Amino acid sequence: MSELAALSEDAWLVTQVVDALELSCTVEQARSSGERRPDELESCLYGLRKSPGGWGPLETDWQVTVGGVPEPVWMLPASPRKGWRYALESPNWLMLISGNGQGKPRFCVQLRSDYLLSDGATTASAETCKWVETNLLPLVGRRVGLEPSWRISRLDLAADVAGEVLEAADLQNITTRARERGCREEGTHARQRGRALTSIDVGSRGSPLYARLYDKTLQATEDAPIRKLWRERGYDADEHGAKVWRVEFEIRPELLRQLRADGEPLPQEPAAIIAEHLDAIWTYATGSWMAVRDQHSGASRVERRPIAPWWAALSRLTGLADAAASPAQTITRDRASRPNRERLLKLIQGALAGLAAIDETPTLAATLGTAREFMIEQGAANFRDRTERARTRYRIPKRSEVKRPPFETGSLDLGSSQTAHIQCALVEPIGAPGFEPGTSPTRTVRATRLRHAPSWPSV
C-alpha cells in the first residue's frame, strides 16, 4: 500500500486516469457504379441479426481476450445510438458499425473504463485497433488499398481528490471560459431535507470541452474496480475523508484540432496523442480553461482571488502521458478555422492512389492525366465555384477584399494660379472623435451625437 500524494494541507490525490476513450475508424471505399449493395461485413451482421434465437444479444464467432481468457463477442439486437446500424459488445468495449456507404465512419469503439483502468489507455487502444483491423476490416468491400484512419472522437481525463469538501456555494468560486454552469443536489432524507451537493457542471454536454466535479463515492459501488485501486493507492476513509470528488473533463475532437503544443497542431493519430500530449491537455483544462478560486480570500471579485491551493497543485499534475520524461509543453488554443495544407496534400495522394488502383494505372503520370481530363470536363466555372466555397469555409479573404488603402488622385483649387495635386485615401469610416466617444453621460446624449456625426470624408 502506497501513500497518497498531498495536494494541500487537507486534500490528497487518490488517482489520475483516462476514464473514457472513444475511437472512430474511417475506411476509404470506392463508390459503387450501380445500386448500393451490402458488402461482406454488412451481410454477415445482417445474417446474425435475422438468425433464430429470440430478441436479445446473439453470440458471434469472434472473441476477445480478457485477462488471458477468451471471451465471446455479442451482437446487440439494436444499436444504442441513433444513426448506427449494428452494434457489437464485449467485456472490453462497445462497437457501433455503420452500413456500407452510409456516409460516416465505419466503426466507432467506446472503450470501457474498467478496461482502460486495468490495461492503460495506450495498450487498450492499440489492442482494440488491432482487433478491428484483423477481424472486421478484411470484410469491408471495395477498399482502395489505403490504411484505415483512426481518430479520437471522445476523451475523458479525470482525477480523484479526497479530503476537499465541495458545496453548492463553490459554484461561485469557479472562473471559466464556459458560458454555462450549474450544480445538482439530492436529498439526504425522505422528504428532501438537507439537500447534499452531488455534482457541479461547467460547460454544456457535447461542446468541445465539458467539466464535471462530482461525488464519485455515490456512483462507484463497493466492488467497483476503482475502489480497489483507491485502496491499493492508500486511501482510507477515516483518515482522508468519506467522500472522494472526481474532477473530470470531457474532450471532443474540435478541441483537439484547436489546441497547439509549442505552436504546432496536435497529431491526429490517437496513439501519438495518448503517448505524448495528455499532460498538456490536462494543463490547459485545469489552468487556462477553468480554475477554482480560494473562497477565503478577501478580494470582492472572484477573478482577483488566488487559485485554491489544491486546484493549483492539481493543474501541475503529470503522468497521464505514457511517454517517459515527456518534456513540458506550452499549450495554447487557436479557435480560427485554418486550412491544413499538409492534410489536403495527403488527401490528394490518397485519392490518386485509389484512382490508380481502380483504373489499374500504376504510373503517376497516367493517373494525373486522368484527373486532369476529369477537371477539364467539369469546366473552369465549376472549379472556380468550388474554390470560392473553400475560401468561405476556411475564411480566406479574396485578393480584392484584402484591406489596402486605395488612393485616388484628384486636384484642389487653392485660389491661386497653381493647382495642388493631392491624394485622398478612400478608406472605410471609423468614426468621428467627439461625436462617438467611448463613453457618454447618458444614452440620449450618445444617440444625439451619433445622429449628427459627419459621414463624408474630410479633405
Protein backbone atom coordinates (compact mmCIF):
# COMPACT_ATOMS: atom_id res chain seq x y z
CA MET A 1 0.00 0.00 0.00
CA SER A 2 1.44 3.36 -1.02
CA GLU A 3 0.87 6.81 0.49
CA LEU A 4 -1.40 9.35 -1.20
CA ALA A 5 0.16 12.46 -2.73
CA ALA A 6 -0.83 15.64 -0.86
CA LEU A 7 -2.37 18.47 -2.90
CA SER A 8 -2.76 20.77 0.10
CA GLU A 9 -2.94 20.53 3.89
CA ASP A 10 -6.31 18.77 3.78
CA ALA A 11 -6.60 17.39 0.23
CA TRP A 12 -4.98 14.32 -1.35
CA LEU A 13 -4.75 12.95 -4.86
CA VAL A 14 -6.13 9.41 -4.99
CA THR A 15 -5.94 8.58 -8.72
CA GLN A 16 -5.49 10.26 -12.09
CA VAL A 17 -6.81 8.21 -15.02
CA VAL A 18 -8.15 8.21 -18.56
CA ASP A 19 -11.77 7.45 -17.70
CA ALA A 20 -13.28 7.19 -21.21
CA LEU A 21 -11.95 6.84 -24.74
CA GLU A 22 -13.93 6.64 -27.96
CA LEU A 23 -12.24 5.90 -31.29
CA SER A 24 -13.69 6.19 -34.78
CA CYS A 25 -12.33 4.43 -37.85
CA THR A 26 -12.90 5.65 -41.40
CA VAL A 27 -12.26 3.24 -44.27
CA GLU A 28 -11.80 4.61 -47.78
CA GLN A 29 -14.11 2.78 -50.19
CA ALA A 30 -14.63 3.19 -53.91
CA ARG A 31 -18.05 4.39 -54.97
CA SER A 32 -20.37 1.77 -56.33
CA SER A 33 -21.21 2.17 -60.02
CA GLY A 34 -24.74 0.86 -59.53
CA GLU A 35 -27.17 0.49 -56.66
CA ARG A 36 -25.63 0.40 -53.19
CA ARG A 37 -25.26 -3.17 -52.04
CA PRO A 38 -24.14 -4.54 -48.69
CA ASP A 39 -20.57 -5.74 -48.52
CA GLU A 40 -19.44 -8.94 -46.80
CA LEU A 41 -19.32 -7.31 -43.36
CA GLU A 42 -22.86 -5.95 -43.57
CA SER A 43 -24.17 -9.23 -44.99
CA CYS A 44 -22.58 -11.12 -42.10
CA LEU A 45 -24.06 -8.80 -39.47
CA TYR A 46 -27.47 -8.80 -41.14
CA GLY A 47 -27.47 -12.60 -41.19
CA LEU A 48 -26.67 -12.71 -37.48
CA ARG A 49 -29.50 -10.32 -36.68
CA LYS A 50 -32.02 -12.41 -38.63
CA SER A 51 -30.87 -15.72 -37.20
CA PRO A 52 -33.29 -17.53 -34.84
CA GLY A 53 -32.70 -17.14 -31.15
CA GLY A 54 -35.23 -14.65 -29.94
CA TRP A 55 -34.88 -11.00 -29.10
CA GLY A 56 -31.64 -10.43 -27.25
CA PRO A 57 -27.85 -10.43 -27.65
CA LEU A 58 -26.51 -13.07 -30.04
CA GLU A 59 -23.17 -14.75 -29.56
CA THR A 60 -20.84 -14.44 -32.55
CA ASP A 61 -17.78 -16.41 -33.63
CA TRP A 62 -15.49 -13.50 -32.73
CA GLN A 63 -13.61 -13.47 -29.41
CA VAL A 64 -11.57 -11.06 -27.32
CA THR A 65 -9.04 -11.83 -24.62
CA VAL A 66 -9.84 -10.62 -21.11
CA GLY A 67 -7.19 -11.36 -18.51
CA GLY A 68 -5.75 -14.12 -20.66
CA VAL A 69 -9.15 -15.81 -21.05
CA PRO A 70 -11.03 -15.72 -24.39
CA GLU A 71 -14.49 -14.17 -24.13
CA PRO A 72 -17.17 -14.15 -26.84
CA VAL A 73 -18.28 -11.02 -28.69
CA TRP A 74 -22.04 -10.46 -28.68
CA MET A 75 -24.21 -8.72 -31.22
CA LEU A 76 -26.92 -6.47 -29.78
CA PRO A 77 -30.42 -6.61 -31.27
CA ALA A 78 -30.41 -2.84 -31.87
CA SER A 79 -27.83 -0.07 -31.83
CA PRO A 80 -27.89 2.00 -28.63
CA ARG A 81 -27.04 5.17 -30.57
CA LYS A 82 -29.19 6.62 -33.31
CA GLY A 83 -27.73 6.57 -36.83
CA TRP A 84 -25.67 3.39 -36.42
CA ARG A 85 -26.91 0.18 -37.99
CA TYR A 86 -25.22 -2.55 -35.93
CA ALA A 87 -23.60 -2.91 -32.51
CA LEU A 88 -21.13 -5.44 -31.08
CA GLU A 89 -20.36 -5.77 -27.39
CA SER A 90 -17.57 -7.37 -25.38
CA PRO A 91 -16.29 -7.02 -21.79
CA ASN A 92 -13.73 -4.52 -23.11
CA TRP A 93 -15.71 -2.27 -25.45
CA LEU A 94 -18.92 -1.37 -27.23
CA MET A 95 -18.60 -1.10 -31.02
CA LEU A 96 -21.01 0.72 -33.34
CA ILE A 97 -20.91 -0.18 -37.04
CA SER A 98 -22.43 1.83 -39.89
CA GLY A 99 -23.83 0.43 -43.11
CA ASN A 100 -21.93 0.25 -46.37
CA GLY A 101 -21.88 3.72 -47.96
CA GLN A 102 -23.76 5.35 -45.07
CA GLY A 103 -21.52 8.42 -45.11
CA LYS A 104 -19.94 8.22 -41.64
CA PRO A 105 -17.01 6.40 -40.01
CA ARG A 106 -17.40 2.65 -40.47
CA PHE A 107 -16.55 1.82 -36.86
CA CYS A 108 -16.95 3.68 -33.57
CA VAL A 109 -15.50 1.96 -30.49
CA GLN A 110 -16.23 3.01 -26.91
CA LEU A 111 -13.60 1.53 -24.58
CA ARG A 112 -14.93 0.67 -21.15
CA SER A 113 -13.49 2.46 -18.14
CA ASP A 114 -12.59 -0.83 -16.38
CA TYR A 115 -10.61 -1.89 -19.45
CA LEU A 116 -8.76 1.46 -19.52
CA LEU A 117 -8.11 1.18 -15.79
CA SER A 118 -6.64 -2.31 -15.93
CA ASP A 119 -4.63 -2.17 -19.17
CA GLY A 120 -3.96 1.55 -19.63
CA ALA A 121 -5.12 3.80 -22.47
CA THR A 122 -2.16 3.06 -24.74
CA THR A 123 -2.41 -0.74 -24.55
CA ALA A 124 -6.22 -0.79 -24.65
CA SER A 125 -6.46 1.45 -27.73
CA ALA A 126 -3.71 -0.42 -29.59
CA GLU A 127 -5.29 -3.84 -28.90
CA THR A 128 -8.73 -2.61 -29.96
CA CYS A 129 -7.48 -1.14 -33.23
CA LYS A 130 -5.57 -4.34 -33.97
CA TRP A 131 -8.67 -6.44 -33.27
CA VAL A 132 -10.80 -4.39 -35.68
CA GLU A 133 -8.17 -4.45 -38.42
CA THR A 134 -7.71 -8.22 -38.03
CA ASN A 135 -11.31 -9.41 -37.71
CA LEU A 136 -13.58 -6.82 -39.36
CA LEU A 137 -11.54 -4.79 -41.81
CA PRO A 138 -10.97 -7.68 -44.29
CA LEU A 139 -14.77 -7.96 -44.64
CA VAL A 140 -15.19 -4.35 -45.78
CA GLY A 141 -15.89 -4.25 -49.52
CA ARG A 142 -14.46 -2.05 -52.28
CA ARG A 143 -11.49 -0.88 -50.27
CA VAL A 144 -8.99 1.13 -52.27
CA GLY A 145 -5.92 -0.21 -50.50
CA LEU A 146 -5.44 2.66 -48.07
CA GLU A 147 -4.79 2.30 -44.36
CA PRO A 148 -7.79 2.93 -42.10
CA SER A 149 -7.93 6.35 -40.49
CA TRP A 150 -8.32 6.24 -36.69
CA ARG A 151 -9.35 9.36 -34.76
CA ILE A 152 -10.33 10.19 -31.17
CA SER A 153 -14.00 11.16 -31.02
CA ARG A 154 -14.14 11.48 -27.21
CA LEU A 155 -11.55 11.58 -24.44
CA ASP A 156 -12.26 11.85 -20.69
CA LEU A 157 -9.46 12.78 -18.29
CA ALA A 158 -10.17 12.51 -14.56
CA ALA A 159 -8.56 12.91 -11.14
CA ASP A 160 -9.98 11.73 -7.82
CA VAL A 161 -9.46 14.04 -4.83
CA ALA A 162 -10.07 13.13 -1.19
CA GLY A 163 -10.33 15.48 1.79
CA GLU A 164 -11.69 18.52 -0.06
CA VAL A 165 -15.30 19.39 0.77
CA LEU A 166 -17.32 20.96 -2.06
CA GLU A 167 -20.60 22.77 -1.56
CA ALA A 168 -23.14 24.44 -3.83
CA ALA A 169 -21.65 27.85 -2.92
CA ASP A 170 -18.36 26.79 -4.54
CA LEU A 171 -20.04 27.24 -7.91
CA GLN A 172 -19.45 30.98 -7.47
CA ASN A 173 -15.73 30.39 -6.84
CA ILE A 174 -15.13 28.92 -10.29
CA THR A 175 -13.74 31.02 -13.11
CA THR A 176 -14.06 29.52 -16.56
CA ARG A 177 -14.29 30.31 -20.24
CA ALA A 178 -17.52 28.30 -20.45
CA ARG A 179 -20.82 30.15 -20.61
CA GLU A 180 -22.92 27.58 -18.76
CA ARG A 181 -22.57 26.21 -15.28
CA GLY A 182 -24.80 24.60 -12.70
CA CYS A 183 -24.96 22.21 -9.78
CA ARG A 184 -27.03 19.19 -8.85
CA GLU A 185 -28.24 18.26 -5.42
CA GLU A 186 -30.14 15.37 -3.91
CA GLY A 187 -32.00 14.99 -0.65
CA THR A 188 -30.47 13.07 2.21
CA HIS A 189 -33.86 12.30 3.78
CA ALA A 190 -37.18 11.00 2.53
CA ARG A 191 -38.70 14.48 2.47
CA GLN A 192 -35.66 16.05 0.74
CA ARG A 193 -34.48 17.83 3.88
CA GLY A 194 -30.82 18.77 3.94
CA ARG A 195 -30.03 18.57 0.25
CA ALA A 196 -26.45 17.49 -0.46
CA LEU A 197 -24.36 18.55 -3.44
CA THR A 198 -23.62 15.72 -5.84
CA SER A 199 -22.26 17.43 -8.97
CA ILE A 200 -21.02 20.74 -10.39
CA ASP A 201 -21.26 21.02 -14.18
CA VAL A 202 -19.22 23.52 -16.19
CA GLY A 203 -20.00 23.92 -19.88
CA SER A 204 -22.54 22.00 -21.93
CA ARG A 205 -22.58 18.35 -22.90
CA GLY A 206 -21.32 17.85 -26.45
CA SER A 207 -19.29 21.08 -26.51
CA PRO A 208 -15.54 20.94 -27.25
CA LEU A 209 -14.77 20.88 -23.52
CA TYR A 210 -17.09 19.98 -20.65
CA ALA A 211 -16.20 19.56 -16.97
CA ARG A 212 -17.85 17.79 -14.03
CA LEU A 213 -16.93 17.81 -10.35
CA TYR A 214 -18.99 15.07 -8.72
CA ASP A 215 -19.08 12.76 -5.73
CA LYS A 216 -17.51 9.55 -7.01
CA THR A 217 -18.33 7.62 -3.84
CA LEU A 218 -22.04 7.84 -4.69
CA GLN A 219 -21.50 6.42 -8.17
CA ALA A 220 -18.93 3.69 -7.54
CA THR A 221 -20.24 0.54 -5.90
CA GLU A 222 -18.29 -1.22 -3.15
CA ASP A 223 -16.97 -3.87 -5.55
CA ALA A 224 -16.11 -1.42 -8.35
CA PRO A 225 -12.54 -1.69 -9.73
CA ILE A 226 -11.94 2.00 -8.99
CA ARG A 227 -12.48 1.42 -5.26
CA LYS A 228 -10.00 -1.42 -5.38
CA LEU A 229 -7.48 0.95 -6.96
CA TRP A 230 -8.18 3.53 -4.25
CA ARG A 231 -7.32 1.01 -1.55
CA GLU A 232 -4.16 -0.01 -3.39
CA ARG A 233 -3.10 3.65 -3.54
CA GLY A 234 -3.57 4.00 0.22
CA TYR A 235 -6.95 5.68 0.52
CA ASP A 236 -8.56 5.36 3.97
CA ALA A 237 -11.99 6.87 4.55
CA ASP A 238 -11.27 7.50 8.24
CA GLU A 239 -8.02 9.34 7.53
CA HIS A 240 -8.72 11.08 4.21
CA GLY A 241 -12.47 11.67 4.41
CA ALA A 242 -15.55 9.68 3.47
CA LYS A 243 -16.06 11.42 0.13
CA VAL A 244 -13.88 11.28 -2.96
CA TRP A 245 -14.61 14.01 -5.51
CA ARG A 246 -13.84 13.38 -9.14
CA VAL A 247 -12.65 16.21 -11.41
CA GLU A 248 -13.46 15.07 -14.94
CA PHE A 249 -13.06 16.74 -18.33
CA GLU A 250 -14.89 15.50 -21.42
CA ILE A 251 -12.91 16.42 -24.54
CA ARG A 252 -14.23 16.39 -28.10
CA PRO A 253 -12.37 16.37 -31.46
CA GLU A 254 -12.98 20.09 -32.03
CA LEU A 255 -10.81 20.96 -29.03
CA LEU A 256 -8.06 18.57 -30.14
CA ARG A 257 -7.99 20.33 -33.53
CA GLN A 258 -7.76 23.76 -31.89
CA LEU A 259 -5.01 23.02 -29.36
CA ARG A 260 -1.40 23.89 -30.16
CA ALA A 261 1.58 22.31 -28.41
CA ASP A 262 4.58 24.64 -28.64
CA GLY A 263 2.81 26.38 -31.52
CA GLU A 264 2.24 23.21 -33.54
CA PRO A 265 -1.11 21.39 -34.03
CA LEU A 266 -1.59 18.16 -32.14
CA PRO A 267 -1.15 14.97 -34.18
CA GLN A 268 -4.31 13.28 -35.41
CA GLU A 269 -3.26 9.73 -34.60
CA PRO A 270 -4.73 8.52 -31.26
CA ALA A 271 -1.53 6.71 -30.30
CA ALA A 272 0.54 9.90 -30.56
CA ILE A 273 -1.96 11.98 -28.57
CA ILE A 274 -2.22 9.39 -25.79
CA ALA A 275 1.52 8.83 -25.55
CA GLU A 276 2.73 12.44 -25.69
CA HIS A 277 0.05 15.11 -25.16
CA LEU A 278 -2.34 14.07 -22.38
CA ASP A 279 -0.43 16.04 -19.74
CA ALA A 280 -0.54 19.18 -21.89
CA ILE A 281 -4.29 18.78 -22.45
CA TRP A 282 -4.80 18.36 -18.70
CA THR A 283 -2.76 21.52 -18.04
CA TYR A 284 -4.91 23.52 -20.45
CA ALA A 285 -8.18 22.27 -18.95
CA THR A 286 -7.19 22.89 -15.31
CA GLY A 287 -5.17 26.05 -15.93
CA SER A 288 -6.27 28.15 -18.88
CA TRP A 289 -9.89 27.00 -19.26
CA MET A 290 -11.07 26.60 -15.67
CA ALA A 291 -9.91 27.29 -12.11
CA VAL A 292 -11.33 27.04 -8.60
CA ARG A 293 -10.59 30.16 -6.56
CA ASP A 294 -9.88 30.45 -2.84
CA GLN A 295 -13.12 31.42 -1.14
CA HIS A 296 -11.32 32.65 1.99
CA SER A 297 -9.56 35.44 0.10
CA GLY A 298 -10.60 39.00 0.92
CA ALA A 299 -10.96 40.07 -2.72
CA SER A 300 -14.51 41.03 -3.65
CA ARG A 301 -14.22 39.95 -7.29
CA VAL A 302 -13.78 36.24 -7.94
CA GLU A 303 -11.27 36.83 -10.75
CA ARG A 304 -8.91 38.60 -8.35
CA ARG A 305 -8.87 35.83 -5.78
CA PRO A 306 -5.90 33.44 -5.76
CA ILE A 307 -6.38 29.94 -7.06
CA ALA A 308 -7.21 27.40 -4.39
CA PRO A 309 -4.03 25.56 -3.31
CA TRP A 310 -5.43 22.11 -4.05
CA TRP A 311 -6.52 23.16 -7.55
CA ALA A 312 -3.14 24.78 -8.27
CA ALA A 313 -1.43 21.51 -7.36
CA LEU A 314 -3.97 19.60 -9.46
CA SER A 315 -3.15 21.70 -12.54
CA ARG A 316 0.56 20.82 -12.24
CA LEU A 317 0.00 17.06 -12.28
CA THR A 318 1.81 14.90 -14.82
CA GLY A 319 1.76 11.19 -15.53
CA LEU A 320 -1.22 10.77 -17.84
CA ALA A 321 1.03 10.61 -20.89
CA ASP A 322 2.83 7.31 -21.27
CA ALA A 323 5.99 8.83 -22.75
CA ALA A 324 8.75 8.64 -20.16
CA ALA A 325 10.20 12.03 -19.23
CA SER A 326 7.84 13.83 -21.56
CA PRO A 327 9.11 17.42 -21.93
CA ALA A 328 6.93 20.25 -20.71
CA GLN A 329 4.86 21.80 -23.49
CA THR A 330 3.34 25.23 -23.91
CA ILE A 331 -0.29 24.57 -24.74
CA THR A 332 -2.48 27.19 -26.42
CA ARG A 333 -5.81 27.20 -28.23
CA ASP A 334 -6.44 28.57 -31.70
CA ARG A 335 -10.14 28.81 -32.46
CA ALA A 336 -9.66 30.04 -36.03
CA SER A 337 -10.58 27.52 -38.73
CA ARG A 338 -7.45 27.35 -40.82
CA PRO A 339 -6.68 25.03 -43.70
CA ASN A 340 -4.13 22.31 -43.14
CA ARG A 341 -2.12 22.25 -46.36
CA GLU A 342 -0.26 19.06 -45.44
CA ARG A 343 -3.52 17.25 -44.71
CA LEU A 344 -5.00 18.34 -48.04
CA LEU A 345 -1.93 17.06 -49.87
CA LYS A 346 -2.25 13.70 -48.10
CA LEU A 347 -5.90 13.52 -49.12
CA ILE A 348 -4.90 14.20 -52.73
CA GLN A 349 -2.26 11.48 -52.51
CA GLY A 350 -4.77 9.00 -51.13
CA ALA A 351 -7.36 9.86 -53.77
CA LEU A 352 -4.83 9.46 -56.60
CA ALA A 353 -3.71 6.11 -55.17
CA GLY A 354 -7.31 4.91 -55.08
CA LEU A 355 -7.90 6.10 -58.63
CA ALA A 356 -4.76 4.29 -59.80
CA ALA A 357 -5.90 1.08 -58.09
CA ILE A 358 -9.34 1.22 -59.72
CA ASP A 359 -8.07 2.09 -63.23
CA GLU A 360 -5.06 -0.25 -62.89
CA THR A 361 -2.70 2.56 -63.89
CA PRO A 362 0.40 2.13 -61.72
CA THR A 363 2.22 5.19 -63.07
CA LEU A 364 1.75 8.61 -61.50
CA ALA A 365 1.74 10.40 -64.87
CA ALA A 366 -1.19 8.35 -66.19
CA THR A 367 -3.19 8.90 -63.00
CA LEU A 368 -2.55 12.65 -63.08
CA GLY A 369 -3.63 12.69 -66.72
CA THR A 370 -6.94 11.02 -65.83
CA ALA A 371 -7.52 13.53 -63.04
CA ARG A 372 -6.68 16.42 -65.38
CA GLU A 373 -9.15 15.21 -68.01
CA PHE A 374 -11.85 14.97 -65.36
CA MET A 375 -11.20 18.52 -64.18
CA ILE A 376 -11.36 19.82 -67.77
CA GLU A 377 -14.69 18.06 -68.31
CA GLN A 378 -16.10 19.70 -65.17
CA GLY A 379 -15.22 23.12 -66.53
CA ALA A 380 -13.45 26.17 -65.18
CA ALA A 381 -16.63 27.63 -63.71
CA ASN A 382 -17.16 24.56 -61.53
CA PHE A 383 -13.61 24.74 -60.20
CA ARG A 384 -13.96 28.47 -59.58
CA ASP A 385 -17.17 27.94 -57.60
CA ARG A 386 -15.57 25.20 -55.51
CA THR A 387 -12.61 27.48 -54.84
CA GLU A 388 -14.89 30.25 -53.61
CA ARG A 389 -16.70 27.83 -51.31
CA ALA A 390 -13.37 26.66 -49.93
CA ARG A 391 -12.34 30.29 -49.30
CA THR A 392 -15.55 30.81 -47.37
CA ARG A 393 -15.10 27.61 -45.39
CA TYR A 394 -11.51 28.45 -44.45
CA ARG A 395 -12.27 32.18 -44.01
CA ILE A 396 -9.67 33.19 -46.55
CA PRO A 397 -10.40 36.68 -47.96
CA LYS A 398 -10.30 37.31 -51.68
CA ARG A 399 -7.44 39.29 -53.09
CA SER A 400 -9.82 42.15 -53.78
CA GLU A 401 -11.04 42.05 -50.15
CA VAL A 402 -7.61 42.45 -48.58
CA LYS A 403 -7.65 45.80 -46.82
CA ARG A 404 -5.26 48.09 -48.62
CA PRO A 405 -5.62 51.90 -48.57
CA PRO A 406 -6.77 52.73 -52.12
CA PHE A 407 -5.75 56.19 -53.24
CA GLU A 408 -7.38 58.33 -55.87
CA THR A 409 -5.51 61.26 -57.40
CA GLY A 410 -7.50 64.49 -57.54
CA SER A 411 -6.96 68.25 -57.68
CA LEU A 412 -7.82 71.04 -55.29
CA ASP A 413 -8.04 74.73 -56.34
CA LEU A 414 -6.35 76.74 -53.61
CA GLY A 415 -7.42 80.04 -55.12
CA SER A 416 -4.08 80.73 -56.81
CA SER A 417 -2.57 80.18 -60.18
CA GLN A 418 -1.18 76.91 -59.06
CA THR A 419 -3.21 73.77 -58.61
CA ALA A 420 -2.19 71.49 -55.82
CA HIS A 421 -2.43 67.80 -56.61
CA ILE A 422 -3.28 65.70 -53.57
CA GLN A 423 -4.19 62.12 -52.87
CA CYS A 424 -7.30 61.32 -50.88
CA ALA A 425 -7.43 57.99 -49.14
CA LEU A 426 -10.76 56.28 -49.72
CA VAL A 427 -10.93 54.26 -46.55
CA GLU A 428 -13.85 52.97 -44.55
CA PRO A 429 -15.25 55.44 -41.96
CA ILE A 430 -14.01 54.68 -38.47
CA GLY A 431 -15.95 57.27 -36.51
CA ALA A 432 -15.64 60.91 -35.59
CA PRO A 433 -13.78 61.92 -32.41
CA GLY A 434 -16.01 63.96 -30.15
CA PHE A 435 -19.16 62.67 -31.78
CA GLU A 436 -18.65 58.98 -30.93
CA PRO A 437 -16.82 58.94 -27.59
CA GLY A 438 -16.15 55.67 -25.85
CA THR A 439 -18.49 56.68 -23.02
CA SER A 440 -21.34 59.19 -22.87
CA PRO A 441 -23.14 60.73 -19.89
CA THR A 442 -26.47 59.30 -20.96
CA ARG A 443 -27.90 57.19 -23.70
CA THR A 444 -29.75 60.21 -25.12
CA VAL A 445 -26.56 62.25 -25.48
CA ARG A 446 -24.82 59.44 -27.30
CA ALA A 447 -27.76 58.93 -29.66
CA THR A 448 -27.85 62.66 -30.48
CA ARG A 449 -24.15 62.77 -31.28
CA LEU A 450 -24.41 59.71 -33.48
CA ARG A 451 -27.24 61.30 -35.49
CA HIS A 452 -25.20 64.44 -36.15
CA ALA A 453 -21.85 62.70 -36.71
CA PRO A 454 -20.29 63.64 -40.09
CA SER A 455 -20.40 60.86 -42.66
CA TRP A 456 -18.43 62.48 -45.51
CA PRO A 457 -14.66 62.22 -45.60
CA SER A 458 -12.82 65.41 -44.86
CA VAL A 459 -10.45 66.95 -47.44
